[in-house]
Amino acid sequence: MELKEKASEISSLGFTVIWLPTPTESVSPEGYMPKDLYNLNSRYGTIDELKDLVKSLHGVGLKVLGDVVLNHRCAHYQNQNGVWNIFGGRLNWDDRAVVGDDPHFQGRGNKSSGDNFHAAPNIDHSQDFVRKDLIEWLCWLRLKRESLFLPLSIMPERIRKACIFSLFDPASTLFFSSCQKFFDGHVWIHTH
């Protein structure tokens, strides 16, 4: 990995944080059309290479900001109408996980709370099973990526709140009761 070889040089230039693109299996080469969130072997490398990179970056004092895409997800299978809205892998959701107001993907979930991204099914984050599964995945990711995300303590208060609550409803007990020991002091960023 070229980045690993340049870690010391990057640190010596005064950088303190490195952003890494989303590492999940993706339909698109850059990673922003995620398919199987539990598969961290991507065009950027294997899960072991990712862990090694993070360890090397931390070794020269660089913090690592990992990007994840949770707004949409590419399906593994088509439904009875030929629409791609059935997911495989550990997050084997059906069309209830897809927002109901995007005509392209025939979701049975609630209406979207924002703009629809028409290239892939938009995930309905108001569904308890979706939030539960994503929290479990974030906990798993935290363990797999060896302290990849930025500590909350280095971020301004307004950014901390925006990052945490952009995905999870701040009034929800689901977030605060799940994997709390892994979330304490860390920020989870979601894109789009």
N, C-alpha and C. Protein backbone atom coordinates (compact mmCIF):
# COMPACT_ATOMS: atom_id res chain seq x y z
N MET A 1 0.84 -1.19 0.00
CA MET A 1 0.00 0.00 0.00
C MET A 1 0.88 1.24 0.00
N GLU A 2 0.66 2.08 -0.96
CA GLU A 2 1.45 3.30 -1.09
C GLU A 2 1.30 4.22 0.11
N LEU A 3 0.11 4.32 0.65
CA LEU A 3 -0.14 5.20 1.79
C LEU A 3 0.65 4.75 3.01
N LYS A 4 0.73 3.47 3.24
CA LYS A 4 1.49 2.94 4.37
C LYS A 4 2.96 3.34 4.26
N GLU A 5 3.50 3.26 3.06
CA GLU A 5 4.90 3.60 2.83
C GLU A 5 5.17 5.08 3.03
N LYS A 6 4.16 5.91 2.87
CA LYS A 6 4.33 7.36 3.00
C LYS A 6 3.86 7.91 4.34
N ALA A 7 3.50 7.04 5.27
CA ALA A 7 2.95 7.49 6.55
C ALA A 7 3.88 8.44 7.29
N SER A 8 5.14 8.10 7.40
CA SER A 8 6.10 8.97 8.12
C SER A 8 6.23 10.31 7.44
N GLU A 9 6.30 10.30 6.13
CA GLU A 9 6.43 11.56 5.38
C GLU A 9 5.19 12.44 5.59
N ILE A 10 4.03 11.85 5.53
CA ILE A 10 2.78 12.61 5.72
C ILE A 10 2.75 13.22 7.12
N SER A 11 3.13 12.44 8.11
CA SER A 11 3.17 12.94 9.48
C SER A 11 4.19 14.08 9.63
N SER A 12 5.34 13.93 8.99
CA SER A 12 6.39 14.96 9.10
C SER A 12 5.98 16.28 8.45
N LEU A 13 5.02 16.24 7.55
CA LEU A 13 4.53 17.47 6.91
C LEU A 13 3.53 18.22 7.78
N GLY A 14 3.20 17.65 8.94
CA GLY A 14 2.31 18.33 9.87
C GLY A 14 0.87 17.86 9.85
N PHE A 15 0.57 16.87 9.02
CA PHE A 15 -0.79 16.34 9.01
C PHE A 15 -1.03 15.54 10.28
N THR A 16 -2.24 15.59 10.80
CA THR A 16 -2.56 14.86 12.02
C THR A 16 -3.67 13.84 11.82
N VAL A 17 -4.41 13.96 10.72
CA VAL A 17 -5.53 13.06 10.46
C VAL A 17 -5.50 12.64 9.00
N ILE A 18 -5.78 11.37 8.77
CA ILE A 18 -5.88 10.82 7.41
C ILE A 18 -7.31 10.33 7.23
N TRP A 19 -7.92 10.67 6.11
CA TRP A 19 -9.25 10.18 5.77
C TRP A 19 -9.08 8.98 4.86
N LEU A 20 -9.81 7.90 5.16
CA LEU A 20 -9.82 6.72 4.30
C LEU A 20 -11.21 6.53 3.73
N PRO A 21 -11.29 6.21 2.45
CA PRO A 21 -12.60 5.96 1.85
C PRO A 21 -13.21 4.69 2.43
N THR A 22 -14.47 4.53 2.18
CA THR A 22 -15.20 3.37 2.71
C THR A 22 -14.57 2.06 2.22
N PRO A 23 -14.35 1.12 3.12
CA PRO A 23 -13.63 -0.10 2.76
C PRO A 23 -14.53 -1.30 2.45
N THR A 24 -15.82 -1.11 2.38
CA THR A 24 -16.72 -2.25 2.21
C THR A 24 -16.81 -2.70 0.75
N GLU A 25 -17.26 -3.94 0.57
CA GLU A 25 -17.52 -4.44 -0.78
C GLU A 25 -18.50 -3.47 -1.45
N SER A 26 -18.22 -3.15 -2.70
CA SER A 26 -19.01 -2.14 -3.39
C SER A 26 -19.18 -2.49 -4.86
N VAL A 27 -20.30 -2.05 -5.41
CA VAL A 27 -20.54 -2.22 -6.84
C VAL A 27 -19.66 -1.26 -7.63
N SER A 28 -19.37 -0.11 -7.06
CA SER A 28 -18.51 0.88 -7.73
C SER A 28 -17.09 0.78 -7.18
N PRO A 29 -16.09 1.06 -8.02
CA PRO A 29 -14.70 0.87 -7.58
C PRO A 29 -14.27 1.79 -6.44
N GLU A 30 -14.84 2.96 -6.32
CA GLU A 30 -14.41 3.88 -5.26
C GLU A 30 -15.05 3.54 -3.91
N GLY A 31 -16.05 2.68 -3.90
CA GLY A 31 -16.63 2.20 -2.65
C GLY A 31 -17.94 2.81 -2.23
N TYR A 32 -18.47 3.74 -3.01
CA TYR A 32 -19.65 4.47 -2.55
C TYR A 32 -20.98 3.89 -3.02
N MET A 33 -20.95 2.65 -3.48
CA MET A 33 -22.16 1.90 -3.79
C MET A 33 -22.06 0.58 -3.02
N PRO A 34 -22.15 0.65 -1.67
CA PRO A 34 -21.88 -0.52 -0.84
C PRO A 34 -22.89 -1.64 -1.06
N LYS A 35 -22.38 -2.86 -0.92
CA LYS A 35 -23.22 -4.04 -1.10
C LYS A 35 -23.22 -4.85 0.20
N ASP A 36 -22.12 -5.47 0.52
CA ASP A 36 -22.01 -6.26 1.75
C ASP A 36 -21.14 -5.49 2.74
N LEU A 37 -21.77 -4.91 3.75
CA LEU A 37 -21.03 -4.08 4.71
C LEU A 37 -20.05 -4.89 5.54
N TYR A 38 -20.30 -6.17 5.71
CA TYR A 38 -19.40 -7.01 6.51
C TYR A 38 -18.20 -7.51 5.72
N ASN A 39 -18.15 -7.25 4.45
CA ASN A 39 -17.01 -7.65 3.63
C ASN A 39 -16.08 -6.45 3.48
N LEU A 40 -14.97 -6.46 4.20
CA LEU A 40 -14.03 -5.34 4.14
C LEU A 40 -12.88 -5.59 3.17
N ASN A 41 -13.07 -6.47 2.24
CA ASN A 41 -12.11 -6.65 1.17
C ASN A 41 -12.63 -5.86 -0.03
N SER A 42 -11.90 -4.81 -0.37
CA SER A 42 -12.35 -3.91 -1.43
C SER A 42 -11.21 -3.68 -2.41
N ARG A 43 -11.43 -2.83 -3.36
CA ARG A 43 -10.37 -2.53 -4.33
C ARG A 43 -9.19 -1.85 -3.66
N TYR A 44 -9.38 -1.35 -2.44
CA TYR A 44 -8.29 -0.70 -1.71
C TYR A 44 -7.42 -1.72 -0.98
N GLY A 45 -7.88 -2.95 -0.86
CA GLY A 45 -7.09 -3.98 -0.19
C GLY A 45 -7.95 -4.90 0.65
N THR A 46 -7.27 -5.78 1.36
CA THR A 46 -7.96 -6.75 2.21
C THR A 46 -8.14 -6.17 3.61
N ILE A 47 -8.93 -6.87 4.41
CA ILE A 47 -9.13 -6.44 5.79
C ILE A 47 -7.80 -6.44 6.55
N ASP A 48 -6.94 -7.42 6.29
CA ASP A 48 -5.65 -7.46 6.97
C ASP A 48 -4.76 -6.29 6.55
N GLU A 49 -4.80 -5.93 5.28
CA GLU A 49 -4.03 -4.76 4.82
C GLU A 49 -4.56 -3.48 5.45
N LEU A 50 -5.87 -3.40 5.60
CA LEU A 50 -6.48 -2.23 6.23
C LEU A 50 -6.03 -2.11 7.68
N LYS A 51 -6.09 -3.20 8.42
CA LYS A 51 -5.64 -3.18 9.82
C LYS A 51 -4.17 -2.78 9.91
N ASP A 52 -3.36 -3.33 9.03
CA ASP A 52 -1.93 -3.02 9.02
C ASP A 52 -1.69 -1.54 8.71
N LEU A 53 -2.45 -1.00 7.76
CA LEU A 53 -2.34 0.41 7.42
C LEU A 53 -2.69 1.29 8.61
N VAL A 54 -3.81 0.99 9.26
CA VAL A 54 -4.24 1.78 10.41
C VAL A 54 -3.19 1.73 11.51
N LYS A 55 -2.64 0.55 11.76
CA LYS A 55 -1.60 0.40 12.78
C LYS A 55 -0.37 1.24 12.42
N SER A 56 0.02 1.24 11.15
CA SER A 56 1.17 2.03 10.71
C SER A 56 0.91 3.53 10.85
N LEU A 57 -0.28 3.97 10.49
CA LEU A 57 -0.62 5.39 10.60
C LEU A 57 -0.64 5.82 12.06
N HIS A 58 -1.24 5.00 12.91
CA HIS A 58 -1.24 5.31 14.34
C HIS A 58 0.18 5.33 14.89
N GLY A 59 1.04 4.46 14.35
CA GLY A 59 2.42 4.38 14.81
C GLY A 59 3.23 5.64 14.59
N VAL A 60 2.83 6.46 13.63
CA VAL A 60 3.53 7.74 13.39
C VAL A 60 2.70 8.92 13.87
N GLY A 61 1.72 8.63 14.71
CA GLY A 61 0.93 9.69 15.33
C GLY A 61 -0.22 10.23 14.53
N LEU A 62 -0.58 9.56 13.44
CA LEU A 62 -1.70 10.02 12.63
C LEU A 62 -3.00 9.37 13.10
N LYS A 63 -4.02 10.17 13.24
CA LYS A 63 -5.35 9.64 13.52
C LYS A 63 -6.00 9.30 12.18
N VAL A 64 -6.92 8.37 12.20
CA VAL A 64 -7.54 7.90 10.96
C VAL A 64 -9.04 8.12 11.03
N LEU A 65 -9.56 8.77 10.01
CA LEU A 65 -10.99 9.00 9.88
C LEU A 65 -11.51 8.07 8.79
N GLY A 66 -12.37 7.15 9.17
CA GLY A 66 -12.91 6.21 8.20
C GLY A 66 -14.27 6.65 7.72
N ASP A 67 -14.50 6.50 6.46
CA ASP A 67 -15.76 6.89 5.84
C ASP A 67 -16.65 5.66 5.70
N VAL A 68 -17.92 5.81 6.00
CA VAL A 68 -18.87 4.72 5.78
C VAL A 68 -20.10 5.28 5.08
N VAL A 69 -20.72 4.45 4.27
CA VAL A 69 -21.93 4.84 3.54
C VAL A 69 -23.09 4.02 4.08
N LEU A 70 -24.05 4.70 4.68
CA LEU A 70 -25.19 4.00 5.27
C LEU A 70 -26.52 4.49 4.74
N ASN A 71 -26.52 5.47 3.87
CA ASN A 71 -27.76 6.03 3.33
C ASN A 71 -28.40 5.09 2.30
N HIS A 72 -27.57 4.42 1.55
CA HIS A 72 -28.08 3.53 0.50
C HIS A 72 -27.21 2.27 0.48
N ARG A 73 -27.73 1.25 -0.19
CA ARG A 73 -27.01 -0.02 -0.27
C ARG A 73 -27.47 -0.75 -1.52
N CYS A 74 -26.54 -1.36 -2.22
CA CYS A 74 -26.88 -2.11 -3.42
C CYS A 74 -27.36 -3.51 -3.04
N ALA A 75 -28.44 -3.92 -3.67
CA ALA A 75 -29.06 -5.21 -3.35
C ALA A 75 -28.31 -6.37 -4.00
N HIS A 76 -28.50 -7.53 -3.42
CA HIS A 76 -27.92 -8.77 -3.95
C HIS A 76 -28.87 -9.49 -4.90
N TYR A 77 -30.18 -9.31 -4.66
CA TYR A 77 -31.17 -10.08 -5.41
C TYR A 77 -32.34 -9.20 -5.85
N GLN A 78 -33.06 -9.71 -6.84
CA GLN A 78 -34.26 -9.04 -7.32
C GLN A 78 -35.49 -9.62 -6.63
N ASN A 79 -36.50 -8.77 -6.47
CA ASN A 79 -37.77 -9.26 -5.92
C ASN A 79 -38.58 -9.93 -7.04
N GLN A 80 -39.81 -10.32 -6.74
CA GLN A 80 -40.66 -11.00 -7.72
C GLN A 80 -40.97 -10.14 -8.94
N ASN A 81 -40.79 -8.82 -8.84
CA ASN A 81 -41.03 -7.91 -9.97
C ASN A 81 -39.76 -7.57 -10.73
N GLY A 82 -38.65 -8.19 -10.36
CA GLY A 82 -37.39 -7.92 -11.03
C GLY A 82 -36.67 -6.67 -10.52
N VAL A 83 -37.11 -6.14 -9.38
CA VAL A 83 -36.49 -4.93 -8.81
C VAL A 83 -35.42 -5.35 -7.80
N TRP A 84 -34.27 -4.71 -7.90
CA TRP A 84 -33.15 -5.01 -7.00
C TRP A 84 -33.39 -4.36 -5.64
N ASN A 85 -34.00 -5.09 -4.71
CA ASN A 85 -34.25 -4.55 -3.38
C ASN A 85 -34.21 -5.62 -2.28
N ILE A 86 -33.58 -6.74 -2.56
CA ILE A 86 -33.42 -7.81 -1.57
C ILE A 86 -31.91 -7.95 -1.31
N PHE A 87 -31.55 -7.86 -0.03
CA PHE A 87 -30.13 -7.82 0.34
C PHE A 87 -29.67 -9.16 0.90
N GLY A 88 -28.41 -9.47 0.68
CA GLY A 88 -27.82 -10.70 1.19
C GLY A 88 -26.76 -10.41 2.23
N GLY A 89 -26.03 -11.46 2.60
CA GLY A 89 -25.00 -11.32 3.63
C GLY A 89 -25.63 -11.29 5.01
N ARG A 90 -24.86 -10.85 5.99
CA ARG A 90 -25.38 -10.81 7.37
C ARG A 90 -26.52 -9.82 7.52
N LEU A 91 -26.54 -8.79 6.70
CA LEU A 91 -27.64 -7.82 6.72
C LEU A 91 -28.60 -8.19 5.59
N ASN A 92 -29.26 -9.33 5.74
CA ASN A 92 -30.12 -9.88 4.69
C ASN A 92 -31.53 -9.31 4.80
N TRP A 93 -31.63 -8.04 4.50
CA TRP A 93 -32.90 -7.32 4.59
C TRP A 93 -33.76 -7.56 3.35
N ASP A 94 -35.05 -7.35 3.52
CA ASP A 94 -35.95 -7.37 2.37
C ASP A 94 -36.38 -5.94 2.06
N ASP A 95 -37.45 -5.79 1.29
CA ASP A 95 -37.87 -4.46 0.84
C ASP A 95 -38.44 -3.57 1.95
N ARG A 96 -38.62 -4.12 3.16
CA ARG A 96 -39.03 -3.28 4.29
C ARG A 96 -37.92 -2.32 4.71
N ALA A 97 -36.68 -2.63 4.35
CA ALA A 97 -35.54 -1.78 4.69
C ALA A 97 -35.36 -0.63 3.71
N VAL A 98 -36.14 -0.61 2.65
CA VAL A 98 -36.03 0.41 1.60
C VAL A 98 -37.15 1.43 1.78
N VAL A 99 -36.82 2.71 1.64
CA VAL A 99 -37.84 3.75 1.79
C VAL A 99 -38.99 3.51 0.81
N GLY A 100 -40.19 3.88 1.22
CA GLY A 100 -41.38 3.58 0.43
C GLY A 100 -41.72 4.60 -0.63
N ASP A 101 -41.02 5.73 -0.68
CA ASP A 101 -41.40 6.77 -1.64
C ASP A 101 -40.42 6.91 -2.80
N ASP A 102 -39.57 5.92 -3.02
CA ASP A 102 -38.69 5.92 -4.18
C ASP A 102 -39.23 4.89 -5.16
N PRO A 103 -39.85 5.34 -6.26
CA PRO A 103 -40.50 4.42 -7.19
C PRO A 103 -39.53 3.46 -7.88
N HIS A 104 -38.26 3.76 -7.88
CA HIS A 104 -37.29 2.90 -8.56
C HIS A 104 -37.06 1.57 -7.85
N PHE A 105 -37.32 1.53 -6.53
CA PHE A 105 -36.93 0.33 -5.78
C PHE A 105 -38.06 -0.32 -4.99
N GLN A 106 -39.29 0.14 -5.15
CA GLN A 106 -40.48 -0.50 -4.58
C GLN A 106 -40.31 -0.92 -3.12
N GLY A 107 -39.78 0.00 -2.32
CA GLY A 107 -39.62 -0.28 -0.91
C GLY A 107 -40.94 -0.27 -0.17
N ARG A 108 -40.99 -1.00 0.95
CA ARG A 108 -42.17 -1.02 1.79
C ARG A 108 -41.93 -0.29 3.11
N GLY A 109 -40.82 0.45 3.18
CA GLY A 109 -40.51 1.19 4.39
C GLY A 109 -41.26 2.51 4.43
N ASN A 110 -40.90 3.34 5.39
CA ASN A 110 -41.50 4.66 5.53
C ASN A 110 -40.94 5.61 4.48
N LYS A 111 -41.54 6.80 4.41
CA LYS A 111 -41.06 7.81 3.47
C LYS A 111 -39.66 8.25 3.85
N SER A 112 -38.90 8.64 2.85
CA SER A 112 -37.54 9.12 3.08
C SER A 112 -37.56 10.42 3.87
N SER A 113 -36.57 10.61 4.69
CA SER A 113 -36.46 11.85 5.46
C SER A 113 -35.60 12.88 4.73
N GLY A 114 -35.16 12.55 3.53
CA GLY A 114 -34.32 13.45 2.75
C GLY A 114 -34.48 13.16 1.28
N ASP A 115 -33.51 13.59 0.51
CA ASP A 115 -33.54 13.33 -0.92
C ASP A 115 -33.22 11.87 -1.20
N ASN A 116 -33.86 11.32 -2.22
CA ASN A 116 -33.57 9.96 -2.63
C ASN A 116 -32.38 9.94 -3.57
N PHE A 117 -31.57 8.91 -3.44
CA PHE A 117 -30.43 8.65 -4.30
C PHE A 117 -30.87 7.53 -5.22
N HIS A 118 -31.13 7.84 -6.47
CA HIS A 118 -31.81 6.89 -7.35
C HIS A 118 -30.92 5.79 -7.94
N ALA A 119 -29.63 5.80 -7.63
CA ALA A 119 -28.76 4.77 -8.17
C ALA A 119 -28.79 3.47 -7.36
N ALA A 120 -29.28 3.55 -6.13
CA ALA A 120 -29.35 2.37 -5.26
C ALA A 120 -30.49 2.56 -4.26
N PRO A 121 -31.00 1.47 -3.71
CA PRO A 121 -32.08 1.59 -2.73
C PRO A 121 -31.67 2.43 -1.52
N ASN A 122 -32.50 3.42 -1.20
CA ASN A 122 -32.28 4.24 0.00
C ASN A 122 -32.78 3.46 1.20
N ILE A 123 -31.96 3.40 2.23
CA ILE A 123 -32.29 2.63 3.42
C ILE A 123 -33.20 3.44 4.34
N ASP A 124 -34.20 2.77 4.89
CA ASP A 124 -35.14 3.39 5.82
C ASP A 124 -34.60 3.26 7.25
N HIS A 125 -33.96 4.31 7.72
CA HIS A 125 -33.35 4.30 9.06
C HIS A 125 -34.36 4.45 10.18
N SER A 126 -35.63 4.62 9.85
CA SER A 126 -36.64 4.69 10.91
C SER A 126 -37.06 3.29 11.37
N GLN A 127 -36.65 2.28 10.63
CA GLN A 127 -36.98 0.89 11.00
C GLN A 127 -36.06 0.43 12.14
N ASP A 128 -36.65 -0.09 13.20
CA ASP A 128 -35.85 -0.55 14.34
C ASP A 128 -34.84 -1.63 13.95
N PHE A 129 -35.24 -2.58 13.09
CA PHE A 129 -34.32 -3.65 12.72
C PHE A 129 -33.13 -3.11 11.93
N VAL A 130 -33.35 -2.08 11.13
CA VAL A 130 -32.24 -1.47 10.39
C VAL A 130 -31.28 -0.80 11.36
N ARG A 131 -31.80 0.00 12.26
CA ARG A 131 -30.94 0.69 13.23
C ARG A 131 -30.18 -0.31 14.09
N LYS A 132 -30.87 -1.34 14.55
CA LYS A 132 -30.21 -2.36 15.36
C LYS A 132 -29.07 -3.01 14.58
N ASP A 133 -29.34 -3.42 13.35
CA ASP A 133 -28.32 -4.07 12.53
C ASP A 133 -27.14 -3.14 12.24
N LEU A 134 -27.42 -1.87 11.96
CA LEU A 134 -26.33 -0.94 11.67
C LEU A 134 -25.50 -0.64 12.91
N ILE A 135 -26.12 -0.56 14.06
CA ILE A 135 -25.37 -0.36 15.29
C ILE A 135 -24.46 -1.57 15.54
N GLU A 136 -24.99 -2.77 15.35
CA GLU A 136 -24.17 -3.97 15.51
C GLU A 136 -23.01 -3.95 14.52
N TRP A 137 -23.27 -3.52 13.30
CA TRP A 137 -22.21 -3.45 12.30
C TRP A 137 -21.15 -2.43 12.69
N LEU A 138 -21.58 -1.27 13.16
CA LEU A 138 -20.62 -0.25 13.59
C LEU A 138 -19.77 -0.75 14.75
N CYS A 139 -20.36 -1.50 15.66
CA CYS A 139 -19.60 -2.10 16.76
C CYS A 139 -18.59 -3.10 16.21
N TRP A 140 -19.02 -3.93 15.29
CA TRP A 140 -18.14 -4.91 14.66
C TRP A 140 -17.02 -4.20 13.90
N LEU A 141 -17.38 -3.16 13.18
CA LEU A 141 -16.39 -2.40 12.42
C LEU A 141 -15.36 -1.78 13.35
N ARG A 142 -15.81 -1.27 14.45
CA ARG A 142 -14.92 -0.67 15.44
C ARG A 142 -13.89 -1.69 15.90
N LEU A 143 -14.32 -2.92 16.13
CA LEU A 143 -13.39 -3.96 16.56
C LEU A 143 -12.44 -4.37 15.44
N LYS A 144 -12.97 -4.48 14.24
CA LYS A 144 -12.16 -4.93 13.11
C LYS A 144 -11.13 -3.90 12.67
N ARG A 145 -11.47 -2.62 12.79
CA ARG A 145 -10.59 -1.60 12.25
C ARG A 145 -9.66 -1.01 13.30
N GLU A 146 -9.65 -1.61 14.48
CA GLU A 146 -8.69 -1.25 15.52
C GLU A 146 -8.62 0.25 15.78
N SER A 147 -9.65 0.77 16.39
CA SER A 147 -9.67 2.18 16.78
C SER A 147 -9.49 3.12 15.60
N LEU A 148 -10.20 2.85 14.55
CA LEU A 148 -10.02 3.62 13.33
C LEU A 148 -10.53 5.04 13.43
N PHE A 149 -11.61 5.24 14.15
CA PHE A 149 -12.27 6.53 14.10
C PHE A 149 -11.69 7.53 15.07
N LEU A 150 -11.91 8.79 14.76
CA LEU A 150 -11.40 9.88 15.57
C LEU A 150 -12.02 9.92 16.96
N PRO A 151 -11.22 10.15 17.98
CA PRO A 151 -11.80 10.35 19.31
C PRO A 151 -12.65 11.62 19.32
N LEU A 152 -13.78 11.56 19.97
CA LEU A 152 -14.65 12.74 20.06
C LEU A 152 -13.96 13.90 20.73
N SER A 153 -13.02 13.62 21.61
CA SER A 153 -12.39 14.69 22.38
C SER A 153 -11.63 15.68 21.51
N ILE A 154 -11.25 15.30 20.29
CA ILE A 154 -10.49 16.24 19.46
C ILE A 154 -11.38 17.04 18.52
N MET A 155 -12.68 16.80 18.59
CA MET A 155 -13.59 17.50 17.69
C MET A 155 -14.38 18.57 18.43
N PRO A 156 -14.65 19.69 17.78
CA PRO A 156 -15.48 20.72 18.41
C PRO A 156 -16.85 20.17 18.77
N GLU A 157 -17.46 20.71 19.82
CA GLU A 157 -18.74 20.23 20.33
C GLU A 157 -19.82 20.16 19.26
N ARG A 158 -19.96 21.20 18.44
CA ARG A 158 -21.04 21.21 17.46
C ARG A 158 -20.85 20.13 16.41
N ILE A 159 -19.60 19.81 16.06
CA ILE A 159 -19.34 18.75 15.09
C ILE A 159 -19.61 17.39 15.73
N ARG A 160 -19.20 17.23 16.99
CA ARG A 160 -19.47 15.98 17.70
C ARG A 160 -20.94 15.64 17.67
N LYS A 161 -21.77 16.61 18.02
CA LYS A 161 -23.21 16.37 18.07
C LYS A 161 -23.76 16.05 16.69
N ALA A 162 -23.34 16.79 15.69
CA ALA A 162 -23.83 16.56 14.33
C ALA A 162 -23.45 15.18 13.84
N CYS A 163 -22.24 14.75 14.13
CA CYS A 163 -21.78 13.45 13.66
C CYS A 163 -22.53 12.31 14.33
N ILE A 164 -22.70 12.40 15.61
CA ILE A 164 -23.37 11.32 16.32
C ILE A 164 -24.84 11.25 15.96
N PHE A 165 -25.49 12.39 15.91
CA PHE A 165 -26.94 12.38 15.75
C PHE A 165 -27.39 12.44 14.31
N SER A 166 -26.47 12.51 13.37
CA SER A 166 -26.89 12.54 11.97
C SER A 166 -27.50 11.21 11.55
N LEU A 167 -27.07 10.13 12.15
CA LEU A 167 -27.61 8.83 11.79
C LEU A 167 -28.62 8.32 12.82
N PHE A 168 -28.33 8.54 14.08
CA PHE A 168 -29.16 7.96 15.13
C PHE A 168 -30.01 9.04 15.79
N ASP A 169 -31.23 8.71 16.03
CA ASP A 169 -32.15 9.61 16.72
C ASP A 169 -31.64 9.82 18.15
N PRO A 170 -31.34 11.06 18.54
CA PRO A 170 -30.77 11.29 19.87
C PRO A 170 -31.71 10.88 21.00
N ALA A 171 -32.97 10.76 20.74
CA ALA A 171 -33.92 10.36 21.79
C ALA A 171 -34.04 8.85 21.89
N SER A 172 -33.44 8.15 20.96
CA SER A 172 -33.58 6.70 20.92
C SER A 172 -32.73 6.02 21.97
N THR A 173 -33.33 5.09 22.69
CA THR A 173 -32.55 4.30 23.65
C THR A 173 -31.77 3.21 22.94
N LEU A 174 -32.15 2.91 21.70
CA LEU A 174 -31.47 1.86 20.95
C LEU A 174 -29.99 2.18 20.80
N PHE A 175 -29.68 3.41 20.43
CA PHE A 175 -28.28 3.79 20.23
C PHE A 175 -27.50 3.73 21.54
N PHE A 176 -28.07 4.30 22.58
CA PHE A 176 -27.32 4.43 23.82
C PHE A 176 -27.19 3.12 24.58
N SER A 177 -28.04 2.15 24.31
CA SER A 177 -27.95 0.89 25.04
C SER A 177 -27.17 -0.17 24.28
N SER A 178 -26.84 0.07 23.03
CA SER A 178 -26.17 -0.94 22.22
C SER A 178 -24.68 -0.64 22.09
N CYS A 179 -23.87 -1.56 22.45
CA CYS A 179 -22.42 -1.46 22.25
C CYS A 179 -21.84 -0.18 22.81
N GLN A 180 -22.37 0.32 23.89
CA GLN A 180 -21.94 1.61 24.41
C GLN A 180 -20.43 1.65 24.66
N LYS A 181 -19.84 0.57 25.15
CA LYS A 181 -18.42 0.61 25.45
C LYS A 181 -17.58 0.82 24.19
N PHE A 182 -18.09 0.44 23.03
CA PHE A 182 -17.34 0.64 21.80
C PHE A 182 -17.55 2.04 21.23
N PHE A 183 -18.66 2.67 21.57
CA PHE A 183 -18.94 4.00 21.04
C PHE A 183 -18.38 5.11 21.90
N ASP A 184 -18.16 4.85 23.18
CA ASP A 184 -17.72 5.91 24.08
C ASP A 184 -16.48 6.60 23.53
N GLY A 185 -16.60 7.91 23.37
CA GLY A 185 -15.46 8.70 22.94
C GLY A 185 -15.10 8.60 21.49
N HIS A 186 -15.94 8.04 20.68
CA HIS A 186 -15.62 7.93 19.26
C HIS A 186 -16.78 8.46 18.43
N VAL A 187 -16.43 8.95 17.26
CA VAL A 187 -17.44 9.53 16.39
C VAL A 187 -17.63 8.61 15.19
N TRP A 188 -18.85 8.48 14.78
CA TRP A 188 -19.16 7.68 13.61
C TRP A 188 -19.69 8.63 12.54
N ILE A 189 -19.03 8.66 11.43
CA ILE A 189 -19.40 9.56 10.35
C ILE A 189 -20.16 8.77 9.29
N HIS A 190 -21.24 9.32 8.79
CA HIS A 190 -21.86 8.69 7.62
C HIS A 190 -21.95 9.74 6.52
N THR A 191 -21.82 9.28 5.30
CA THR A 191 -21.79 10.21 4.18
C THR A 191 -23.13 10.24 3.47
N HIS A 192 -23.26 11.21 2.62
CA HIS A 192 -24.44 11.40 1.77
C HIS A 192 -25.58 11.76 2.63
